[in-house]
């Protein structure tokens, strides 16, 4: 497995980002396709709408959210797709729109992918 990073969609893309993959179900507001510089948009790897609504990025619910999202990922066919992408590139950057760089689903997804590799 290559290097797996996360980065906000609102940060400027960098040459060392490698393959940039949007992992949000919704497109980030105010970010053009040109500015995003994505190779993929994997909506299906994002948390379900019901889980995202329940969590509402509440830091107090992060542990419960991570457990529920992990359960969703265990049953999600898109995990195989993202693993194939990771295997094909030395660096993959998971792009997300959330404000907090530590409390977001992309961090949970990255940790899941590394832990279950």
PDB file of N, CA and C in Angstrom:
ATOM      1  N   UNK A   1       0.847  -1.182   0.000  1.00  0.00           N
ATOM      2  CA  UNK A   1       0.000   0.000   0.000  1.00  0.00           C
ATOM      3  C   UNK A   1       0.885   1.234   0.000  1.00  0.00           C
ATOM      4  N   UNK A   2       0.530   2.194  -0.858  1.00  0.00           N
ATOM      5  CA  UNK A   2       1.268   3.449  -0.922  1.00  0.00           C
ATOM      6  C   UNK A   2       0.895   4.368   0.227  1.00  0.00           C
ATOM      7  N   UNK A   3       1.324   5.586   0.121  1.00  0.00           N
ATOM      8  CA  UNK A   3       1.023   6.579   1.142  1.00  0.00           C
ATOM      9  C   UNK A   3      -0.408   7.067   0.976  1.00  0.00           C
ATOM     10  N   UNK A   4      -1.112   7.196   2.091  1.00  0.00           N
ATOM     11  CA  UNK A   4      -2.509   7.625   2.094  1.00  0.00           C
ATOM     12  C   UNK A   4      -2.626   8.882   2.944  1.00  0.00           C
ATOM     13  N   UNK A   5      -3.091   9.967   2.330  1.00  0.00           N
ATOM     14  CA  UNK A   5      -3.198  11.266   3.008  1.00  0.00           C
ATOM     15  C   UNK A   5      -4.639  11.749   2.964  1.00  0.00           C
ATOM     16  N   UNK A   6      -4.927  12.765   3.778  1.00  0.00           N
ATOM     17  CA  UNK A   6      -6.207  13.459   3.684  1.00  0.00           C
ATOM     18  C   UNK A   6      -5.938  14.955   3.545  1.00  0.00           C
ATOM     19  N   UNK A   7      -6.873  15.645   2.877  1.00  0.00           N
ATOM     20  CA  UNK A   7      -6.695  17.087   2.649  1.00  0.00           C
ATOM     21  C   UNK A   7      -8.062  17.710   2.383  1.00  0.00           C
ATOM     22  N   UNK A   8      -8.247  18.914   2.894  1.00  0.00           N
ATOM     23  CA  UNK A   8      -9.497  19.640   2.647  1.00  0.00           C
ATOM     24  C   UNK A   8      -9.600  20.056   1.188  1.00  0.00           C
ATOM     25  N   UNK A   9     -10.803  20.031   0.684  1.00  0.00           N
ATOM     26  CA  UNK A   9     -11.066  20.434  -0.702  1.00  0.00           C
ATOM     27  C   UNK A   9     -10.748  21.911  -0.917  1.00  0.00           C
ATOM     28  N   UNK A  10     -10.736  22.684   0.159  1.00  0.00           N
ATOM     29  CA  UNK A  10     -10.509  24.122   0.060  1.00  0.00           C
ATOM     30  C   UNK A  10      -9.025  24.487   0.120  1.00  0.00           C
ATOM     31  N   UNK A  11      -8.177  23.505   0.378  1.00  0.00           N
ATOM     32  CA  UNK A  11      -6.735  23.733   0.337  1.00  0.00           C
ATOM     33  C   UNK A  11      -6.260  23.594  -1.102  1.00  0.00           C
ATOM     34  N   UNK A  12      -5.218  24.334  -1.426  1.00  0.00           N
ATOM     35  CA  UNK A  12      -4.687  24.299  -2.783  1.00  0.00           C
ATOM     36  C   UNK A  12      -4.069  22.926  -3.080  1.00  0.00           C
ATOM     37  N   UNK A  13      -4.437  22.327  -4.209  1.00  0.00           N
ATOM     38  CA  UNK A  13      -3.802  21.056  -4.591  1.00  0.00           C
ATOM     39  C   UNK A  13      -2.292  21.245  -4.756  1.00  0.00           C
ATOM     40  N   UNK A  14      -1.551  20.200  -4.411  1.00  0.00           N
ATOM     41  CA  UNK A  14      -0.089  20.235  -4.531  1.00  0.00           C
ATOM     42  C   UNK A  14       0.367  19.078  -5.418  1.00  0.00           C
ATOM     43  N   UNK A  15       1.472  19.252  -6.101  1.00  0.00           N
ATOM     44  CA  UNK A  15       1.976  18.177  -6.961  1.00  0.00           C
ATOM     45  C   UNK A  15       2.216  16.862  -6.212  1.00  0.00           C
ATOM     46  N   UNK A  16       2.583  16.951  -4.927  1.00  0.00           N
ATOM     47  CA  UNK A  16       2.859  15.724  -4.173  1.00  0.00           C
ATOM     48  C   UNK A  16       1.601  15.079  -3.582  1.00  0.00           C
ATOM     49  N   UNK A  17       0.403  15.598  -3.938  1.00  0.00           N
ATOM     50  CA  UNK A  17      -0.853  14.979  -3.489  1.00  0.00           C
ATOM     51  C   UNK A  17      -1.081  13.630  -4.164  1.00  0.00           C
ATOM     52  N   UNK A  18      -0.434  13.410  -5.269  1.00  0.00           N
ATOM     53  CA  UNK A  18      -0.650  12.166  -5.996  1.00  0.00           C
ATOM     54  C   UNK A  18      -2.057  12.117  -6.578  1.00  0.00           C
ATOM     55  N   UNK A  19      -2.689  10.976  -6.473  1.00  0.00           N
ATOM     56  CA  UNK A  19      -4.054  10.784  -6.970  1.00  0.00           C
ATOM     57  C   UNK A  19      -5.042  11.370  -5.965  1.00  0.00           C
ATOM     58  N   UNK A  20      -5.763  12.407  -6.377  1.00  0.00           N
ATOM     59  CA  UNK A  20      -6.711  13.092  -5.487  1.00  0.00           C
ATOM     60  C   UNK A  20      -8.112  12.512  -5.692  1.00  0.00           C
ATOM     61  N   UNK A  21      -8.725  12.067  -4.581  1.00  0.00           N
ATOM     62  CA  UNK A  21     -10.027  11.415  -4.631  1.00  0.00           C
ATOM     63  C   UNK A  21     -10.977  12.106  -3.666  1.00  0.00           C
ATOM     64  N   UNK A  22     -12.054  12.669  -4.193  1.00  0.00           N
ATOM     65  CA  UNK A  22     -13.079  13.264  -3.329  1.00  0.00           C
ATOM     66  C   UNK A  22     -13.878  12.131  -2.709  1.00  0.00           C
ATOM     67  N   UNK A  23     -13.976  12.129  -1.372  1.00  0.00           N
ATOM     68  CA  UNK A  23     -14.676  11.064  -0.665  1.00  0.00           C
ATOM     69  C   UNK A  23     -15.921  11.581   0.056  1.00  0.00           C
ATOM     70  N   UNK A  24     -16.464  12.681  -0.417  1.00  0.00           N
ATOM     71  CA  UNK A  24     -17.720  13.245   0.102  1.00  0.00           C
ATOM     72  C   UNK A  24     -18.861  12.869  -0.828  1.00  0.00           C
ATOM     73  N   UNK A  25     -20.032  12.709  -0.254  1.00  0.00           N
ATOM     74  CA  UNK A  25     -21.223  12.420  -1.050  1.00  0.00           C
ATOM     75  C   UNK A  25     -21.687  13.670  -1.808  1.00  0.00           C
ATOM     76  N   UNK A  26     -21.438  14.843  -1.221  1.00  0.00           N
ATOM     77  CA  UNK A  26     -21.845  16.112  -1.824  1.00  0.00           C
ATOM     78  C   UNK A  26     -20.611  16.865  -2.316  1.00  0.00           C
ATOM     79  N   UNK A  27     -20.762  17.568  -3.433  1.00  0.00           N
ATOM     80  CA  UNK A  27     -19.652  18.366  -3.961  1.00  0.00           C
ATOM     81  C   UNK A  27     -19.407  19.551  -3.031  1.00  0.00           C
ATOM     82  N   UNK A  28     -18.139  19.887  -2.734  1.00  0.00           N
ATOM     83  CA  UNK A  28     -17.827  21.013  -1.847  1.00  0.00           C
ATOM     84  C   UNK A  28     -18.274  22.351  -2.453  1.00  0.00           C
ATOM     85  N   UNK A  29     -18.961  23.134  -1.674  1.00  0.00           N
ATOM     86  CA  UNK A  29     -19.464  24.435  -2.147  1.00  0.00           C
ATOM     87  C   UNK A  29     -18.324  25.349  -2.553  1.00  0.00           C
ATOM     88  N   UNK A  30     -18.525  26.001  -3.688  1.00  0.00           N
ATOM     89  CA  UNK A  30     -17.582  27.013  -4.138  1.00  0.00           C
ATOM     90  C   UNK A  30     -16.289  26.481  -4.728  1.00  0.00           C
ATOM     91  N   UNK A  31     -16.176  25.181  -4.909  1.00  0.00           N
ATOM     92  CA  UNK A  31     -14.954  24.598  -5.471  1.00  0.00           C
ATOM     93  C   UNK A  31     -15.264  24.112  -6.884  1.00  0.00           C
ATOM     94  N   UNK A  32     -14.586  24.683  -7.850  1.00  0.00           N
ATOM     95  CA  UNK A  32     -14.798  24.256  -9.235  1.00  0.00           C
ATOM     96  C   UNK A  32     -14.081  22.938  -9.492  1.00  0.00           C
ATOM     97  N   UNK A  33     -14.479  22.265 -10.545  1.00  0.00           N
ATOM     98  CA  UNK A  33     -13.808  21.012 -10.916  1.00  0.00           C
ATOM     99  C   UNK A  33     -12.343  21.268 -11.254  1.00  0.00           C
ATOM    100  N   UNK A  34     -12.079  22.388 -11.904  1.00  0.00           N
ATOM    101  CA  UNK A  34     -10.702  22.733 -12.256  1.00  0.00           C
ATOM    102  C   UNK A  34      -9.860  22.955 -11.008  1.00  0.00           C
ATOM    103  N   UNK A  35     -10.417  23.681 -10.051  1.00  0.00           N
ATOM    104  CA  UNK A  35      -9.686  23.984  -8.820  1.00  0.00           C
ATOM    105  C   UNK A  35      -9.466  22.726  -7.983  1.00  0.00           C
ATOM    106  N   UNK A  36     -10.415  21.813  -7.985  1.00  0.00           N
ATOM    107  CA  UNK A  36     -10.319  20.600  -7.165  1.00  0.00           C
ATOM    108  C   UNK A  36      -9.232  19.652  -7.656  1.00  0.00           C
ATOM    109  N   UNK A  37      -9.012  19.622  -8.969  1.00  0.00           N
ATOM    110  CA  UNK A  37      -7.993  18.761  -9.579  1.00  0.00           C
ATOM    111  C   UNK A  37      -8.093  17.313  -9.078  1.00  0.00           C
ATOM    112  N   UNK A  38      -9.267  16.734  -9.250  1.00  0.00           N
ATOM    113  CA  UNK A  38      -9.521  15.369  -8.793  1.00  0.00           C
ATOM    114  C   UNK A  38      -9.349  14.365  -9.914  1.00  0.00           C
ATOM    115  N   UNK A  39      -8.929  13.184  -9.539  1.00  0.00           N
ATOM    116  CA  UNK A  39      -8.919  12.074 -10.488  1.00  0.00           C
ATOM    117  C   UNK A  39     -10.185  11.243 -10.350  1.00  0.00           C
ATOM    118  N   UNK A  40     -10.774  11.232  -9.160  1.00  0.00           N
ATOM    119  CA  UNK A  40     -11.977  10.442  -8.899  1.00  0.00           C
ATOM    120  C   UNK A  40     -12.875  11.177  -7.914  1.00  0.00           C
ATOM    121  N   UNK A  41     -14.162  10.869  -7.993  1.00  0.00           N
ATOM    122  CA  UNK A  41     -15.132  11.298  -6.981  1.00  0.00           C
ATOM    123  C   UNK A  41     -15.863  10.037  -6.572  1.00  0.00           C
ATOM    124  N   UNK A  42     -15.571   9.552  -5.373  1.00  0.00           N
ATOM    125  CA  UNK A  42     -16.145   8.305  -4.888  1.00  0.00           C
ATOM    126  C   UNK A  42     -17.229   8.601  -3.846  1.00  0.00           C
ATOM    127  N   UNK A  43     -18.402   8.954  -4.333  1.00  0.00           N
ATOM    128  CA  UNK A  43     -19.530   9.280  -3.452  1.00  0.00           C
ATOM    129  C   UNK A  43     -19.914   8.118  -2.553  1.00  0.00           C
ATOM    130  N   UNK A  44     -19.841   6.907  -3.109  1.00  0.00           N
ATOM    131  CA  UNK A  44     -20.341   5.739  -2.388  1.00  0.00           C
ATOM    132  C   UNK A  44     -19.474   5.311  -1.211  1.00  0.00           C
ATOM    133  N   UNK A  45     -18.272   5.861  -1.095  1.00  0.00           N
ATOM    134  CA  UNK A  45     -17.406   5.529   0.036  1.00  0.00           C
ATOM    135  C   UNK A  45     -17.719   6.428   1.241  1.00  0.00           C
ATOM    136  N   UNK A  46     -18.463   7.490   1.017  1.00  0.00           N
ATOM    137  CA  UNK A  46     -18.820   8.432   2.084  1.00  0.00           C
ATOM    138  C   UNK A  46     -19.847   7.806   3.031  1.00  0.00           C
ATOM    139  N   UNK A  47     -19.976   8.354   4.235  1.00  0.00           N
ATOM    140  CA  UNK A  47     -21.007   7.854   5.157  1.00  0.00           C
ATOM    141  C   UNK A  47     -22.397   8.012   4.535  1.00  0.00           C
ATOM    142  N   UNK A  48     -23.299   7.156   4.940  1.00  0.00           N
ATOM    143  CA  UNK A  48     -24.677   7.249   4.443  1.00  0.00           C
ATOM    144  C   UNK A  48     -25.271   8.595   4.858  1.00  0.00           C
ATOM    145  N   UNK A  49     -26.247   9.090   4.103  1.00  0.00           N
ATOM    146  CA  UNK A  49     -26.889  10.353   4.494  1.00  0.00           C
ATOM    147  C   UNK A  49     -27.459  10.310   5.910  1.00  0.00           C
ATOM    148  N   UNK A  50     -28.043   9.192   6.306  1.00  0.00           N
ATOM    149  CA  UNK A  50     -28.620   9.094   7.653  1.00  0.00           C
ATOM    150  C   UNK A  50     -27.528   9.201   8.719  1.00  0.00           C
ATOM    151  N   UNK A  51     -26.393   8.539   8.502  1.00  0.00           N
ATOM    152  CA  UNK A  51     -25.299   8.600   9.473  1.00  0.00           C
ATOM    153  C   UNK A  51     -24.695   9.988   9.519  1.00  0.00           C
ATOM    154  N   UNK A  52     -24.513  10.595   8.371  1.00  0.00           N
ATOM    155  CA  UNK A  52     -23.940  11.953   8.317  1.00  0.00           C
ATOM    156  C   UNK A  52     -24.845  12.942   9.043  1.00  0.00           C
ATOM    157  N   UNK A  53     -26.146  12.827   8.841  1.00  0.00           N
ATOM    158  CA  UNK A  53     -27.108  13.715   9.509  1.00  0.00           C
ATOM    159  C   UNK A  53     -27.090  13.490  11.018  1.00  0.00           C
ATOM    160  N   UNK A  54     -27.072  12.218  11.432  1.00  0.00           N
ATOM    161  CA  UNK A  54     -27.049  11.901  12.857  1.00  0.00           C
ATOM    162  C   UNK A  54     -25.811  12.486  13.519  1.00  0.00           C
ATOM    163  N   UNK A  55     -24.648  12.319  12.889  1.00  0.00           N
ATOM    164  CA  UNK A  55     -23.397  12.780  13.479  1.00  0.00           C
ATOM    165  C   UNK A  55     -23.322  14.291  13.560  1.00  0.00           C
ATOM    166  N   UNK A  56     -23.611  14.971  12.451  1.00  0.00           N
ATOM    167  CA  UNK A  56     -23.579  16.429  12.381  1.00  0.00           C
ATOM    168  C   UNK A  56     -22.235  17.012  12.836  1.00  0.00           C
ATOM    169  N   UNK A  57     -21.148  16.267  12.626  1.00  0.00           N
ATOM    170  CA  UNK A  57     -19.786  16.680  12.996  1.00  0.00           C
ATOM    171  C   UNK A  57     -19.655  17.071  14.466  1.00  0.00           C
ATOM    172  N   UNK A  58     -20.439  16.434  15.324  1.00  0.00           N
ATOM    173  CA  UNK A  58     -20.388  16.682  16.763  1.00  0.00           C
ATOM    174  C   UNK A  58     -19.186  15.931  17.344  1.00  0.00           C
ATOM    175  N   UNK A  59     -18.173  16.651  17.859  1.00  0.00           N
ATOM    176  CA  UNK A  59     -16.986  15.977  18.398  1.00  0.00           C
ATOM    177  C   UNK A  59     -17.322  14.952  19.489  1.00  0.00           C
ATOM    178  N   UNK A  60     -18.373  15.194  20.254  1.00  0.00           N
ATOM    179  CA  UNK A  60     -18.754  14.267  21.322  1.00  0.00           C
ATOM    180  C   UNK A  60     -19.234  12.927  20.759  1.00  0.00           C
ATOM    181  N   UNK A  61     -19.653  12.908  19.509  1.00  0.00           N
ATOM    182  CA  UNK A  61     -20.154  11.680  18.881  1.00  0.00           C
ATOM    183  C   UNK A  61     -19.116  11.003  17.978  1.00  0.00           C
ATOM    184  N   UNK A  62     -17.904  11.503  17.955  1.00  0.00           N
ATOM    185  CA  UNK A  62     -16.907  10.987  17.014  1.00  0.00           C
ATOM    186  C   UNK A  62     -16.671   9.486  17.175  1.00  0.00           C
ATOM    187  N   UNK A  63     -16.506   9.006  18.400  1.00  0.00           N
ATOM    188  CA  UNK A  63     -16.239   7.582  18.595  1.00  0.00           C
ATOM    189  C   UNK A  63     -17.401   6.722  18.108  1.00  0.00           C
ATOM    190  N   UNK A  64     -18.632   7.127  18.443  1.00  0.00           N
ATOM    191  CA  UNK A  64     -19.809   6.394  17.959  1.00  0.00           C
ATOM    192  C   UNK A  64     -19.906   6.471  16.437  1.00  0.00           C
ATOM    193  N   UNK A  65     -19.640   7.656  15.902  1.00  0.00           N
ATOM    194  CA  UNK A  65     -19.667   7.819  14.448  1.00  0.00           C
ATOM    195  C   UNK A  65     -18.652   6.893  13.794  1.00  0.00           C
ATOM    196  N   UNK A  66     -17.431   6.880  14.317  1.00  0.00           N
ATOM    197  CA  UNK A  66     -16.378   6.046  13.729  1.00  0.00           C
ATOM    198  C   UNK A  66     -16.781   4.576  13.745  1.00  0.00           C
ATOM    199  N   UNK A  67     -17.378   4.118  14.823  1.00  0.00           N
ATOM    200  CA  UNK A  67     -17.818   2.718  14.912  1.00  0.00           C
ATOM    201  C   UNK A  67     -18.918   2.431  13.887  1.00  0.00           C
ATOM    202  N   UNK A  68     -19.862   3.343  13.763  1.00  0.00           N
ATOM    203  CA  UNK A  68     -20.968   3.149  12.810  1.00  0.00           C
ATOM    204  C   UNK A  68     -20.479   3.241  11.366  1.00  0.00           C
ATOM    205  N   UNK A  69     -19.596   4.179  11.105  1.00  0.00           N
ATOM    206  CA  UNK A  69     -19.058   4.327   9.748  1.00  0.00           C
ATOM    207  C   UNK A  69     -18.213   3.105   9.386  1.00  0.00           C
ATOM    208  N   UNK A  70     -17.434   2.614  10.329  1.00  0.00           N
ATOM    209  CA  UNK A  70     -16.645   1.408  10.100  1.00  0.00           C
ATOM    210  C   UNK A  70     -17.553   0.236   9.742  1.00  0.00           C
ATOM    211  N   UNK A  71     -18.672   0.105  10.434  1.00  0.00           N
ATOM    212  CA  UNK A  71     -19.631  -0.963  10.115  1.00  0.00           C
ATOM    213  C   UNK A  71     -20.172  -0.790   8.699  1.00  0.00           C
ATOM    214  N   UNK A  72     -20.444   0.452   8.301  1.00  0.00           N
ATOM    215  CA  UNK A  72     -20.883   0.704   6.929  1.00  0.00           C
ATOM    216  C   UNK A  72     -19.789   0.315   5.932  1.00  0.00           C
ATOM    217  N   UNK A  73     -18.554   0.679   6.243  1.00  0.00           N
ATOM    218  CA  UNK A  73     -17.439   0.368   5.340  1.00  0.00           C
ATOM    219  C   UNK A  73     -17.233  -1.142   5.202  1.00  0.00           C
ATOM    220  N   UNK A  74     -17.419  -1.873   6.287  1.00  0.00           N
ATOM    221  CA  UNK A  74     -17.271  -3.335   6.241  1.00  0.00           C
ATOM    222  C   UNK A  74     -18.217  -3.966   5.224  1.00  0.00           C
ATOM    223  N   UNK A  75     -19.356  -3.322   4.983  1.00  0.00           N
ATOM    224  CA  UNK A  75     -20.356  -3.865   4.056  1.00  0.00           C
ATOM    225  C   UNK A  75     -20.414  -3.109   2.732  1.00  0.00           C
ATOM    226  N   UNK A  76     -19.444  -2.227   2.481  1.00  0.00           N
ATOM    227  CA  UNK A  76     -19.496  -1.341   1.324  1.00  0.00           C
ATOM    228  C   UNK A  76     -18.601  -1.856   0.193  1.00  0.00           C
ATOM    229  N   UNK A  77     -19.199  -2.113  -0.961  1.00  0.00           N
ATOM    230  CA  UNK A  77     -18.441  -2.587  -2.124  1.00  0.00           C
ATOM    231  C   UNK A  77     -17.438  -1.554  -2.638  1.00  0.00           C
ATOM    232  N   UNK A  78     -17.664  -0.277  -2.334  1.00  0.00           N
ATOM    233  CA  UNK A  78     -16.760   0.781  -2.802  1.00  0.00           C
ATOM    234  C   UNK A  78     -15.384   0.688  -2.144  1.00  0.00           C
ATOM    235  N   UNK A  79     -15.277  -0.025  -1.036  1.00  0.00           N
ATOM    236  CA  UNK A  79     -13.979  -0.186  -0.376  1.00  0.00           C
ATOM    237  C   UNK A  79     -13.007  -0.906  -1.315  1.00  0.00           C
ATOM    238  N   UNK A  80     -13.483  -1.913  -2.024  1.00  0.00           N
ATOM    239  CA  UNK A  80     -12.622  -2.625  -2.979  1.00  0.00           C
ATOM    240  C   UNK A  80     -12.156  -1.685  -4.087  1.00  0.00           C
ATOM    241  N   UNK A  81     -13.036  -0.790  -4.521  1.00  0.00           N
ATOM    242  CA  UNK A  81     -12.671   0.173  -5.569  1.00  0.00           C
ATOM    243  C   UNK A  81     -11.577   1.129  -5.099  1.00  0.00           C
ATOM    244  N   UNK A  82     -11.717   1.621  -3.876  1.00  0.00           N
ATOM    245  CA  UNK A  82     -10.710   2.569  -3.386  1.00  0.00           C
ATOM    246  C   UNK A  82      -9.397   1.841  -3.092  1.00  0.00           C
ATOM    247  N   UNK A  83      -9.470   0.603  -2.656  1.00  0.00           N
ATOM    248  CA  UNK A  83      -8.241  -0.182  -2.443  1.00  0.00           C
ATOM    249  C   UNK A  83      -7.495  -0.394  -3.765  1.00  0.00           C
ATOM    250  N   UNK A  84      -8.235  -0.645  -4.837  1.00  0.00           N
ATOM    251  CA  UNK A  84      -7.617  -0.814  -6.157  1.00  0.00           C
ATOM    252  C   UNK A  84      -6.926   0.479  -6.577  1.00  0.00           C
ATOM    253  N   UNK A  85      -7.563   1.612  -6.321  1.00  0.00           N
ATOM    254  CA  UNK A  85      -6.981   2.908  -6.649  1.00  0.00           C
ATOM    255  C   UNK A  85      -5.710   3.147  -5.833  1.00  0.00           C
ATOM    256  N   UNK A  86      -5.765   2.810  -4.566  1.00  0.00           N
ATOM    257  CA  UNK A  86      -4.602   2.982  -3.689  1.00  0.00           C
ATOM    258  C   UNK A  86      -3.451   2.092  -4.165  1.00  0.00           C
ATOM    259  N   UNK A  87      -3.781   0.894  -4.596  1.00  0.00           N
ATOM    260  CA  UNK A  87      -2.756  -0.021  -5.082  1.00  0.00           C
ATOM    261  C   UNK A  87      -2.110   0.417  -6.381  1.00  0.00           C
ATOM    262  N   UNK A  88      -2.812   1.255  -7.137  1.00  0.00           N
ATOM    263  CA  UNK A  88      -2.307   1.697  -8.445  1.00  0.00           C
ATOM    264  C   UNK A  88      -1.488   2.983  -8.383  1.00  0.00           C
ATOM    265  N   UNK A  89      -1.436   3.632  -7.219  1.00  0.00           N
ATOM    266  CA  UNK A  89      -0.741   4.923  -7.096  1.00  0.00           C
ATOM    267  C   UNK A  89       0.151   4.926  -5.855  1.00  0.00           C
ATOM    268  N   UNK A  90       1.338   5.532  -5.950  1.00  0.00           N
ATOM    269  CA  UNK A  90       2.214   5.595  -4.783  1.00  0.00           C
ATOM    270  C   UNK A  90       1.683   6.522  -3.682  1.00  0.00           C
ATOM    271  N   UNK A  91       0.915   7.544  -4.075  1.00  0.00           N
ATOM    272  CA  UNK A  91       0.326   8.475  -3.106  1.00  0.00           C
ATOM    273  C   UNK A  91      -1.127   8.709  -3.513  1.00  0.00           C
ATOM    274  N   UNK A  92      -2.022   8.579  -2.536  1.00  0.00           N
ATOM    275  CA  UNK A  92      -3.429   8.888  -2.742  1.00  0.00           C
ATOM    276  C   UNK A  92      -3.842   9.863  -1.644  1.00  0.00           C
ATOM    277  N   UNK A  93      -4.504  10.945  -2.045  1.00  0.00           N
ATOM    278  CA  UNK A  93      -5.000  11.931  -1.099  1.00  0.00           C
ATOM    279  C   UNK A  93      -6.522  11.890  -1.106  1.00  0.00           C
ATOM    280  N   UNK A  94      -7.090  11.594   0.063  1.00  0.00           N
ATOM    281  CA  UNK A  94      -8.533  11.600   0.232  1.00  0.00           C
ATOM    282  C   UNK A  94      -8.960  13.040   0.499  1.00  0.00           C
ATOM    283  N   UNK A  95      -9.769  13.576  -0.374  1.00  0.00           N
ATOM    284  CA  UNK A  95     -10.180  14.977  -0.301  1.00  0.00           C
ATOM    285  C   UNK A  95     -11.573  15.049   0.322  1.00  0.00           C
ATOM    286  N   UNK A  96     -11.743  15.985   1.257  1.00  0.00           N
ATOM    287  CA  UNK A  96     -13.011  16.139   1.984  1.00  0.00           C
ATOM    288  C   UNK A  96     -13.294  17.621   2.179  1.00  0.00           C
ATOM    289  N   UNK A  97     -14.535  17.947   2.544  1.00  0.00           N
ATOM    290  CA  UNK A  97     -14.920  19.350   2.687  1.00  0.00           C
ATOM    291  C   UNK A  97     -15.068  19.812   4.138  1.00  0.00           C
ATOM    292  N   UNK A  98     -15.112  18.918   5.087  1.00  0.00           N
ATOM    293  CA  UNK A  98     -15.337  19.294   6.490  1.00  0.00           C
ATOM    294  C   UNK A  98     -14.300  20.311   6.958  1.00  0.00           C
ATOM    295  N   UNK A  99     -14.679  21.107   7.941  1.00  0.00           N
ATOM    296  CA  UNK A  99     -13.799  22.171   8.428  1.00  0.00           C
ATOM    297  C   UNK A  99     -12.646  21.661   9.283  1.00  0.00           C
ATOM    298  N   UNK A 100     -12.931  20.687  10.149  1.00  0.00           N
ATOM    299  CA  UNK A 100     -11.941  20.231  11.122  1.00  0.00           C
ATOM    300  C   UNK A 100     -11.037  19.155  10.516  1.00  0.00           C
ATOM    301  N   UNK A 101      -9.722  19.358  10.547  1.00  0.00           N
ATOM    302  CA  UNK A 101      -8.808  18.382   9.942  1.00  0.00           C
ATOM    303  C   UNK A 101      -8.684  17.073  10.728  1.00  0.00           C
ATOM    304  N   UNK A 102      -9.168  17.041  11.969  1.00  0.00           N
ATOM    305  CA  UNK A 102      -9.096  15.821  12.766  1.00  0.00           C
ATOM    306  C   UNK A 102     -10.449  15.151  12.938  1.00  0.00           C
ATOM    307  N   UNK A 103     -11.503  15.944  12.962  1.00  0.00           N
ATOM    308  CA  UNK A 103     -12.840  15.401  13.195  1.00  0.00           C
ATOM    309  C   UNK A 103     -13.608  15.435  11.877  1.00  0.00           C
ATOM    310  N   UNK A 104     -13.400  14.385  11.073  1.00  0.00           N
ATOM    311  CA  UNK A 104     -14.066  14.278   9.779  1.00  0.00           C
ATOM    312  C   UNK A 104     -14.066  12.822   9.338  1.00  0.00           C
ATOM    313  N   UNK A 105     -14.929  12.514   8.426  1.00  0.00           N
ATOM    314  CA  UNK A 105     -15.044  11.117   7.997  1.00  0.00           C
ATOM    315  C   UNK A 105     -13.838  10.644   7.189  1.00  0.00           C
ATOM    316  N   UNK A 106     -13.138  11.560   6.522  1.00  0.00           N
ATOM    317  CA  UNK A 106     -11.968  11.156   5.736  1.00  0.00           C
ATOM    318  C   UNK A 106     -10.869  10.607   6.652  1.00  0.00           C
ATOM    319  N   UNK A 107     -10.717  11.173   7.838  1.00  0.00           N
ATOM    320  CA  UNK A 107      -9.731  10.661   8.798  1.00  0.00           C
ATOM    321  C   UNK A 107     -10.123   9.258   9.253  1.00  0.00           C
ATOM    322  N   UNK A 108     -11.417   9.051   9.495  1.00  0.00           N
ATOM    323  CA  UNK A 108     -11.894   7.726   9.889  1.00  0.00           C
ATOM    324  C   UNK A 108     -11.663   6.738   8.742  1.00  0.00           C
ATOM    325  N   UNK A 109     -11.962   7.167   7.514  1.00  0.00           N
ATOM    326  CA  UNK A 109     -11.772   6.316   6.341  1.00  0.00           C
ATOM    327  C   UNK A 109     -10.297   5.961   6.164  1.00  0.00           C
ATOM    328  N   UNK A 110      -9.421   6.946   6.257  1.00  0.00           N
ATOM    329  CA  UNK A 110      -7.972   6.688   6.129  1.00  0.00           C
ATOM    330  C   UNK A 110      -7.523   5.667   7.163  1.00  0.00           C
ATOM    331  N   UNK A 111      -7.912   5.882   8.421  1.00  0.00           N
ATOM    332  CA  UNK A 111      -7.511   4.971   9.490  1.00  0.00           C
ATOM    333  C   UNK A 111      -8.047   3.559   9.237  1.00  0.00           C
ATOM    334  N   UNK A 112      -9.273   3.462   8.765  1.00  0.00           N
ATOM    335  CA  UNK A 112      -9.883   2.175   8.438  1.00  0.00           C
ATOM    336  C   UNK A 112      -9.091   1.466   7.348  1.00  0.00           C
ATOM    337  N   UNK A 113      -8.777   2.192   6.282  1.00  0.00           N
ATOM    338  CA  UNK A 113      -8.049   1.591   5.158  1.00  0.00           C
ATOM    339  C   UNK A 113      -6.657   1.129   5.562  1.00  0.00           C
ATOM    340  N   UNK A 114      -5.990   1.886   6.412  1.00  0.00           N
ATOM    341  CA  UNK A 114      -4.657   1.506   6.877  1.00  0.00           C
ATOM    342  C   UNK A 114      -4.762   0.295   7.813  1.00  0.00           C
ATOM    343  N   UNK A 115      -5.717   0.338   8.726  1.00  0.00           N
ATOM    344  CA  UNK A 115      -5.875  -0.726   9.721  1.00  0.00           C
ATOM    345  C   UNK A 115      -6.281  -2.058   9.079  1.00  0.00           C
ATOM    346  N   UNK A 116      -7.065  -1.999   8.013  1.00  0.00           N
ATOM    347  CA  UNK A 116      -7.583  -3.237   7.411  1.00  0.00           C
ATOM    348  C   UNK A 116      -6.841  -3.632   6.136  1.00  0.00           C
ATOM    349  N   UNK A 117      -5.715  -2.997   5.883  1.00  0.00           N
ATOM    350  CA  UNK A 117      -4.951  -3.301   4.652  1.00  0.00           C
ATOM    351  C   UNK A 117      -4.429  -4.725   4.641  1.00  0.00           C
TER     352      UNK A 117
END
